[in-house]
Amino acid sequence: MTNIFVHIVDDDAALRDALRKLLRIEGFELETYESAEAFLERARTERGQCLIVDLRMPGMSGMDLLSEVMTRGLGLKVILLTAHADVPLAVQATKSGAADILEKPFQAKALVSSILSAKPPRMNSQATSEKHAAARRFSELSVRERDVLDRLVLGLQNKIIAHELGISHRTVEIHRANILKKTGVSSLPELVRVYLAARD
């Protein structure tokens, strides 16, 4: 058993059931809720370290719940699930406090890894250290890679970036892959989080 209690919020009963079975096999304790409203009404948040929530739900959305969790200071690591992840969403969610965004269908390994990386709120010294580490990683990028990065985090598509910089779509893809490799991240949401950490 892990020492991480997980709250799952999703209006899709089949997905809730699948996640319940998967995470129990992995040794997590958990509770599920059919809506954000149900979570806020019933959840014993003192037990939890992690909240997994679907982005689009009837009534209160996952982003709304994320905002409420942060406003109330519940101390939960929030992982958003979405069928349509993109850069603007990643930026908005990261700025709002989301720890990760997983695009459906996601691999079980990716979800478990994200949950296990749950951490307590950062102390000032730790946040400063992380900021410096992120800044060092970005300093290794070439000028052209920085040009591409600055446009990626604004939510621009590859073809628009290619047009603005006067390079081919394929070249943008190569730069994007190099940026991920040099910064040591594996996904666009993580890249945005690290980028914002370096700029805060």
C-alpha atoms as a PDB file:
ATOM      1  CA  MET A   1       0.000   0.000   0.000  1.00  0.00           C
ATOM      2  CA  THR A   2       1.126   3.536  -0.698  1.00  0.00           C
ATOM      3  CA  ASN A   3       0.612   6.353   1.782  1.00  0.00           C
ATOM      4  CA  ILE A   4      -1.142   8.499  -0.832  1.00  0.00           C
ATOM      5  CA  PHE A   5      -4.935   8.775  -0.692  1.00  0.00           C
ATOM      6  CA  VAL A   6      -6.463   9.681  -4.063  1.00  0.00           C
ATOM      7  CA  HIS A   7      -9.744  11.463  -4.804  1.00  0.00           C
ATOM      8  CA  ILE A   8     -11.221  10.801  -8.276  1.00  0.00           C
ATOM      9  CA  VAL A   9     -13.847  13.119  -9.766  1.00  0.00           C
ATOM     10  CA  ASP A  10     -15.409  12.174 -13.125  1.00  0.00           C
ATOM     11  CA  ASP A  11     -18.965  12.090 -14.423  1.00  0.00           C
ATOM     12  CA  ASP A  12     -18.174   8.968 -16.516  1.00  0.00           C
ATOM     13  CA  ALA A  13     -19.106   5.995 -14.324  1.00  0.00           C
ATOM     14  CA  ALA A  14     -17.179   3.515 -16.500  1.00  0.00           C
ATOM     15  CA  LEU A  15     -13.977   5.556 -16.220  1.00  0.00           C
ATOM     16  CA  ARG A  16     -14.407   5.978 -12.462  1.00  0.00           C
ATOM     17  CA  ASP A  17     -14.753   2.217 -12.127  1.00  0.00           C
ATOM     18  CA  ALA A  18     -11.699   1.567 -14.311  1.00  0.00           C
ATOM     19  CA  LEU A  19      -9.586   4.045 -12.341  1.00  0.00           C
ATOM     20  CA  ARG A  20     -10.793   2.580  -9.047  1.00  0.00           C
ATOM     21  CA  LYS A  21      -9.710  -0.916 -10.088  1.00  0.00           C
ATOM     22  CA  LEU A  22      -6.378   0.250 -11.520  1.00  0.00           C
ATOM     23  CA  LEU A  23      -5.346   2.340  -8.545  1.00  0.00           C
ATOM     24  CA  ARG A  24      -6.403  -0.260  -5.977  1.00  0.00           C
ATOM     25  CA  ILE A  25      -4.248  -2.827  -7.782  1.00  0.00           C
ATOM     26  CA  GLU A  26      -1.383  -0.316  -7.531  1.00  0.00           C
ATOM     27  CA  GLY A  27      -1.931  -0.068  -3.774  1.00  0.00           C
ATOM     28  CA  PHE A  28      -3.678   3.294  -3.466  1.00  0.00           C
ATOM     29  CA  GLU A  29      -6.548   4.082  -1.131  1.00  0.00           C
ATOM     30  CA  LEU A  30      -9.152   6.190  -2.865  1.00  0.00           C
ATOM     31  CA  GLU A  31     -12.644   7.591  -3.073  1.00  0.00           C
ATOM     32  CA  THR A  32     -14.643   8.467  -6.182  1.00  0.00           C
ATOM     33  CA  TYR A  33     -17.206  11.195  -6.872  1.00  0.00           C
ATOM     34  CA  GLU A  34     -19.575  11.699  -9.796  1.00  0.00           C
ATOM     35  CA  SER A  35     -19.245  15.496  -9.821  1.00  0.00           C
ATOM     36  CA  ALA A  36     -17.192  18.392  -8.510  1.00  0.00           C
ATOM     37  CA  GLU A  37     -20.134  19.392  -6.340  1.00  0.00           C
ATOM     38  CA  ALA A  38     -20.250  15.922  -4.783  1.00  0.00           C
ATOM     39  CA  PHE A  39     -16.529  16.090  -4.034  1.00  0.00           C
ATOM     40  CA  LEU A  40     -16.817  19.455  -2.283  1.00  0.00           C
ATOM     41  CA  GLU A  41     -19.799  18.222  -0.271  1.00  0.00           C
ATOM     42  CA  ARG A  42     -18.537  14.796   0.798  1.00  0.00           C
ATOM     43  CA  ALA A  43     -14.755  14.611   0.516  1.00  0.00           C
ATOM     44  CA  ARG A  44     -12.628  14.297   3.629  1.00  0.00           C
ATOM     45  CA  THR A  45      -9.762  16.246   2.118  1.00  0.00           C
ATOM     46  CA  GLU A  46      -7.559  15.858   5.175  1.00  0.00           C
ATOM     47  CA  ARG A  47      -7.085  12.235   4.075  1.00  0.00           C
ATOM     48  CA  GLY A  48      -5.958  13.005   0.572  1.00  0.00           C
ATOM     49  CA  GLN A  49      -2.804  14.106  -1.122  1.00  0.00           C
ATOM     50  CA  CYS A  50      -4.007  13.869  -4.725  1.00  0.00           C
ATOM     51  CA  LEU A  51      -7.109  14.837  -6.702  1.00  0.00           C
ATOM     52  CA  ILE A  52      -7.730  13.452 -10.195  1.00  0.00           C
ATOM     53  CA  VAL A  53     -10.467  15.378 -11.981  1.00  0.00           C
ATOM     54  CA  ASP A  54     -11.959  15.391 -15.467  1.00  0.00           C
ATOM     55  CA  LEU A  55     -11.713  18.775 -17.130  1.00  0.00           C
ATOM     56  CA  ARG A  56     -15.137  18.811 -18.792  1.00  0.00           C
ATOM     57  CA  MET A  57     -18.132  17.812 -16.680  1.00  0.00           C
ATOM     58  CA  PRO A  58     -21.760  18.952 -16.409  1.00  0.00           C
ATOM     59  CA  GLY A  59     -22.112  21.727 -13.863  1.00  0.00           C
ATOM     60  CA  MET A  60     -18.851  22.663 -12.195  1.00  0.00           C
ATOM     61  CA  SER A  61     -15.899  21.972 -14.506  1.00  0.00           C
ATOM     62  CA  GLY A  62     -12.545  20.493 -13.570  1.00  0.00           C
ATOM     63  CA  MET A  63     -10.930  23.906 -13.949  1.00  0.00           C
ATOM     64  CA  ASP A  64     -13.552  25.401 -11.630  1.00  0.00           C
ATOM     65  CA  LEU A  65     -12.834  22.708  -9.059  1.00  0.00           C
ATOM     66  CA  LEU A  66      -9.096  23.310  -9.386  1.00  0.00           C
ATOM     67  CA  SER A  67      -9.679  26.984  -8.637  1.00  0.00           C
ATOM     68  CA  GLU A  68     -11.851  26.134  -5.624  1.00  0.00           C
ATOM     69  CA  VAL A  69      -9.266  23.693  -4.257  1.00  0.00           C
ATOM     70  CA  MET A  70      -6.570  26.363  -4.512  1.00  0.00           C
ATOM     71  CA  THR A  71      -8.788  29.077  -3.019  1.00  0.00           C
ATOM     72  CA  ARG A  72      -9.649  26.882  -0.039  1.00  0.00           C
ATOM     73  CA  GLY A  73      -6.015  25.880   0.435  1.00  0.00           C
ATOM     74  CA  LEU A  74      -6.848  22.163   0.590  1.00  0.00           C
ATOM     75  CA  GLY A  75      -3.255  21.181  -0.138  1.00  0.00           C
ATOM     76  CA  LEU A  76      -4.147  18.638  -2.825  1.00  0.00           C
ATOM     77  CA  LYS A  77      -2.037  17.880  -5.855  1.00  0.00           C
ATOM     78  CA  VAL A  78      -4.464  18.219  -8.792  1.00  0.00           C
ATOM     79  CA  ILE A  79      -4.160  16.124 -11.954  1.00  0.00           C
ATOM     80  CA  LEU A  80      -6.489  17.118 -14.790  1.00  0.00           C
ATOM     81  CA  LEU A  81      -7.808  14.596 -17.319  1.00  0.00           C
ATOM     82  CA  THR A  82      -8.842  15.849 -20.750  1.00  0.00           C
ATOM     83  CA  ALA A  83      -9.624  14.524 -24.205  1.00  0.00           C
ATOM     84  CA  HIS A  84      -8.236  17.671 -25.812  1.00  0.00           C
ATOM     85  CA  ALA A  85      -4.962  18.939 -24.309  1.00  0.00           C
ATOM     86  CA  ASP A  86      -3.331  21.941 -25.963  1.00  0.00           C
ATOM     87  CA  VAL A  87      -0.818  24.642 -25.094  1.00  0.00           C
ATOM     88  CA  PRO A  88      -3.280  27.384 -24.001  1.00  0.00           C
ATOM     89  CA  LEU A  89      -4.987  24.864 -21.712  1.00  0.00           C
ATOM     90  CA  ALA A  90      -1.640  23.754 -20.298  1.00  0.00           C
ATOM     91  CA  VAL A  91      -0.663  27.350 -19.576  1.00  0.00           C
ATOM     92  CA  GLN A  92      -3.994  28.198 -17.938  1.00  0.00           C
ATOM     93  CA  ALA A  93      -4.065  25.020 -15.850  1.00  0.00           C
ATOM     94  CA  THR A  94      -0.454  25.378 -14.734  1.00  0.00           C
ATOM     95  CA  LYS A  95      -0.942  29.005 -13.718  1.00  0.00           C
ATOM     96  CA  SER A  96      -4.067  27.945 -11.815  1.00  0.00           C
ATOM     97  CA  GLY A  97      -2.085  25.384  -9.828  1.00  0.00           C
ATOM     98  CA  ALA A  98      -2.524  22.044 -11.659  1.00  0.00           C
ATOM     99  CA  ALA A  99       0.357  19.652 -11.115  1.00  0.00           C
ATOM    100  CA  ASP A 100      -0.206  17.705 -14.336  1.00  0.00           C
ATOM    101  CA  ILE A 101      -2.509  17.301 -17.332  1.00  0.00           C
ATOM    102  CA  LEU A 102      -3.058  13.865 -18.856  1.00  0.00           C
ATOM    103  CA  GLU A 103      -4.668  13.494 -22.255  1.00  0.00           C
ATOM    104  CA  LYS A 104      -7.176  10.696 -22.747  1.00  0.00           C
ATOM    105  CA  PRO A 105      -6.529   7.928 -23.505  1.00  0.00           C
ATOM    106  CA  PHE A 106      -3.544   7.922 -21.152  1.00  0.00           C
ATOM    107  CA  GLN A 107      -1.268   5.084 -20.113  1.00  0.00           C
ATOM    108  CA  ALA A 108      -1.754   3.631 -16.657  1.00  0.00           C
ATOM    109  CA  LYS A 109       1.973   4.004 -16.017  1.00  0.00           C
ATOM    110  CA  ALA A 110       1.786   7.753 -16.703  1.00  0.00           C
ATOM    111  CA  LEU A 111      -1.077   8.227 -14.250  1.00  0.00           C
ATOM    112  CA  VAL A 112       0.580   6.205 -11.494  1.00  0.00           C
ATOM    113  CA  SER A 113       3.866   8.073 -12.018  1.00  0.00           C
ATOM    114  CA  SER A 114       2.081  11.409 -11.766  1.00  0.00           C
ATOM    115  CA  ILE A 115       0.329  10.408  -8.550  1.00  0.00           C
ATOM    116  CA  LEU A 116       3.525   9.110  -6.970  1.00  0.00           C
ATOM    117  CA  SER A 117       5.269  12.408  -7.610  1.00  0.00           C
ATOM    118  CA  ALA A 118       2.802  14.104  -5.248  1.00  0.00           C
ATOM    119  CA  LYS A 119       4.696  16.491  -3.003  1.00  0.00           C
ATOM    120  CA  PRO A 120       3.810  18.706  -0.058  1.00  0.00           C
ATOM    121  CA  PRO A 121       3.638  22.477  -0.699  1.00  0.00           C
ATOM    122  CA  ARG A 122       7.071  23.853  -1.553  1.00  0.00           C
ATOM    123  CA  MET A 123       9.009  25.836   0.997  1.00  0.00           C
ATOM    124  CA  ASN A 124      10.480  29.128  -0.247  1.00  0.00           C
ATOM    125  CA  SER A 125      14.032  27.782  -0.387  1.00  0.00           C
ATOM    126  CA  GLN A 126      12.909  24.737  -2.358  1.00  0.00           C
ATOM    127  CA  ALA A 127      10.905  26.863  -4.789  1.00  0.00           C
ATOM    128  CA  THR A 128      13.934  29.110  -5.340  1.00  0.00           C
ATOM    129  CA  SER A 129      16.145  26.086  -5.974  1.00  0.00           C
ATOM    130  CA  GLU A 130      13.662  24.678  -8.508  1.00  0.00           C
ATOM    131  CA  LYS A 131      13.466  28.051 -10.236  1.00  0.00           C
ATOM    132  CA  HIS A 132      17.250  28.219 -10.628  1.00  0.00           C
ATOM    133  CA  ALA A 133      17.379  24.638 -11.923  1.00  0.00           C
ATOM    134  CA  ALA A 134      14.693  25.418 -14.499  1.00  0.00           C
ATOM    135  CA  ALA A 135      16.498  28.586 -15.588  1.00  0.00           C
ATOM    136  CA  ARG A 136      19.715  26.614 -16.112  1.00  0.00           C
ATOM    137  CA  ARG A 137      17.955  24.125 -18.357  1.00  0.00           C
ATOM    138  CA  PHE A 138      16.490  26.865 -20.532  1.00  0.00           C
ATOM    139  CA  SER A 139      19.861  28.618 -20.790  1.00  0.00           C
ATOM    140  CA  GLU A 140      21.097  25.610 -22.776  1.00  0.00           C
ATOM    141  CA  LEU A 141      18.646  26.288 -25.599  1.00  0.00           C
ATOM    142  CA  SER A 142      19.834  27.876 -28.832  1.00  0.00           C
ATOM    143  CA  VAL A 143      18.492  31.255 -29.922  1.00  0.00           C
ATOM    144  CA  ARG A 144      16.213  29.609 -32.485  1.00  0.00           C
ATOM    145  CA  GLU A 145      14.954  27.080 -29.931  1.00  0.00           C
ATOM    146  CA  ARG A 146      14.108  29.969 -27.602  1.00  0.00           C
ATOM    147  CA  ASP A 147      12.205  31.618 -30.449  1.00  0.00           C
ATOM    148  CA  VAL A 148      10.164  28.448 -30.910  1.00  0.00           C
ATOM    149  CA  LEU A 149       9.671  27.972 -27.148  1.00  0.00           C
ATOM    150  CA  ASP A 150       8.411  31.522 -26.622  1.00  0.00           C
ATOM    151  CA  ARG A 151       5.754  30.926 -29.263  1.00  0.00           C
ATOM    152  CA  LEU A 152       4.835  27.442 -28.049  1.00  0.00           C
ATOM    153  CA  VAL A 153       3.938  28.703 -24.593  1.00  0.00           C
ATOM    154  CA  LEU A 154       1.753  31.378 -26.166  1.00  0.00           C
ATOM    155  CA  GLY A 155      -0.314  28.562 -27.645  1.00  0.00           C
ATOM    156  CA  LEU A 156       0.712  29.019 -31.279  1.00  0.00           C
ATOM    157  CA  GLN A 157       0.469  26.013 -33.593  1.00  0.00           C
ATOM    158  CA  ASN A 158       3.562  24.653 -35.329  1.00  0.00           C
ATOM    159  CA  LYS A 159       2.487  25.930 -38.748  1.00  0.00           C
ATOM    160  CA  ILE A 160       2.000  29.462 -37.418  1.00  0.00           C
ATOM    161  CA  ILE A 161       5.371  29.366 -35.663  1.00  0.00           C
ATOM    162  CA  ALA A 162       6.955  28.189 -38.911  1.00  0.00           C
ATOM    163  CA  HIS A 163       5.373  31.082 -40.793  1.00  0.00           C
ATOM    164  CA  GLU A 164       6.405  33.692 -38.210  1.00  0.00           C
ATOM    165  CA  LEU A 165      10.011  32.478 -38.112  1.00  0.00           C
ATOM    166  CA  GLY A 166      10.306  31.799 -41.834  1.00  0.00           C
ATOM    167  CA  ILE A 167      11.211  28.134 -41.373  1.00  0.00           C
ATOM    168  CA  SER A 168       9.560  24.852 -42.353  1.00  0.00           C
ATOM    169  CA  HIS A 169       6.955  23.020 -40.310  1.00  0.00           C
ATOM    170  CA  ARG A 170       9.368  20.088 -40.019  1.00  0.00           C
ATOM    171  CA  THR A 171      12.097  22.355 -38.636  1.00  0.00           C
ATOM    172  CA  VAL A 172       9.718  23.572 -35.935  1.00  0.00           C
ATOM    173  CA  GLU A 173       9.003  19.949 -34.987  1.00  0.00           C
ATOM    174  CA  ILE A 174      12.746  19.257 -34.737  1.00  0.00           C
ATOM    175  CA  HIS A 175      13.288  22.319 -32.532  1.00  0.00           C
ATOM    176  CA  ARG A 176      10.333  21.297 -30.358  1.00  0.00           C
ATOM    177  CA  ALA A 177      11.799  17.801 -29.868  1.00  0.00           C
ATOM    178  CA  ASN A 178      15.200  19.319 -29.012  1.00  0.00           C
ATOM    179  CA  ILE A 179      13.595  21.654 -26.472  1.00  0.00           C
ATOM    180  CA  LEU A 180      11.933  18.731 -24.678  1.00  0.00           C
ATOM    181  CA  LYS A 181      15.203  16.768 -24.685  1.00  0.00           C
ATOM    182  CA  LYS A 182      17.384  19.619 -23.420  1.00  0.00           C
ATOM    183  CA  THR A 183      14.958  20.618 -20.675  1.00  0.00           C
ATOM    184  CA  GLY A 184      14.466  17.010 -19.601  1.00  0.00           C
ATOM    185  CA  VAL A 185      10.684  17.045 -19.810  1.00  0.00           C
ATOM    186  CA  SER A 186       8.440  14.512 -21.512  1.00  0.00           C
ATOM    187  CA  SER A 187       5.263  16.436 -22.231  1.00  0.00           C
ATOM    188  CA  LEU A 188       3.983  19.849 -23.240  1.00  0.00           C
ATOM    189  CA  PRO A 189       2.176  20.502 -19.929  1.00  0.00           C
ATOM    190  CA  GLU A 190       5.374  19.737 -18.027  1.00  0.00           C
ATOM    191  CA  LEU A 191       7.342  22.015 -20.354  1.00  0.00           C
ATOM    192  CA  VAL A 192       4.915  24.848 -19.642  1.00  0.00           C
ATOM    193  CA  ARG A 193       5.162  24.243 -15.885  1.00  0.00           C
ATOM    194  CA  VAL A 194       8.956  24.307 -15.939  1.00  0.00           C
ATOM    195  CA  TYR A 195       8.930  27.386 -18.182  1.00  0.00           C
ATOM    196  CA  LEU A 196       6.629  29.269 -15.814  1.00  0.00           C
ATOM    197  CA  ALA A 197       8.715  28.172 -12.814  1.00  0.00           C
ATOM    198  CA  ALA A 198      11.791  29.676 -14.447  1.00  0.00           C
ATOM    199  CA  ARG A 199       9.985  32.978 -15.053  1.00  0.00           C
ATOM    200  CA  ASP A 200       8.175  33.392 -11.704  1.00  0.00           C
END
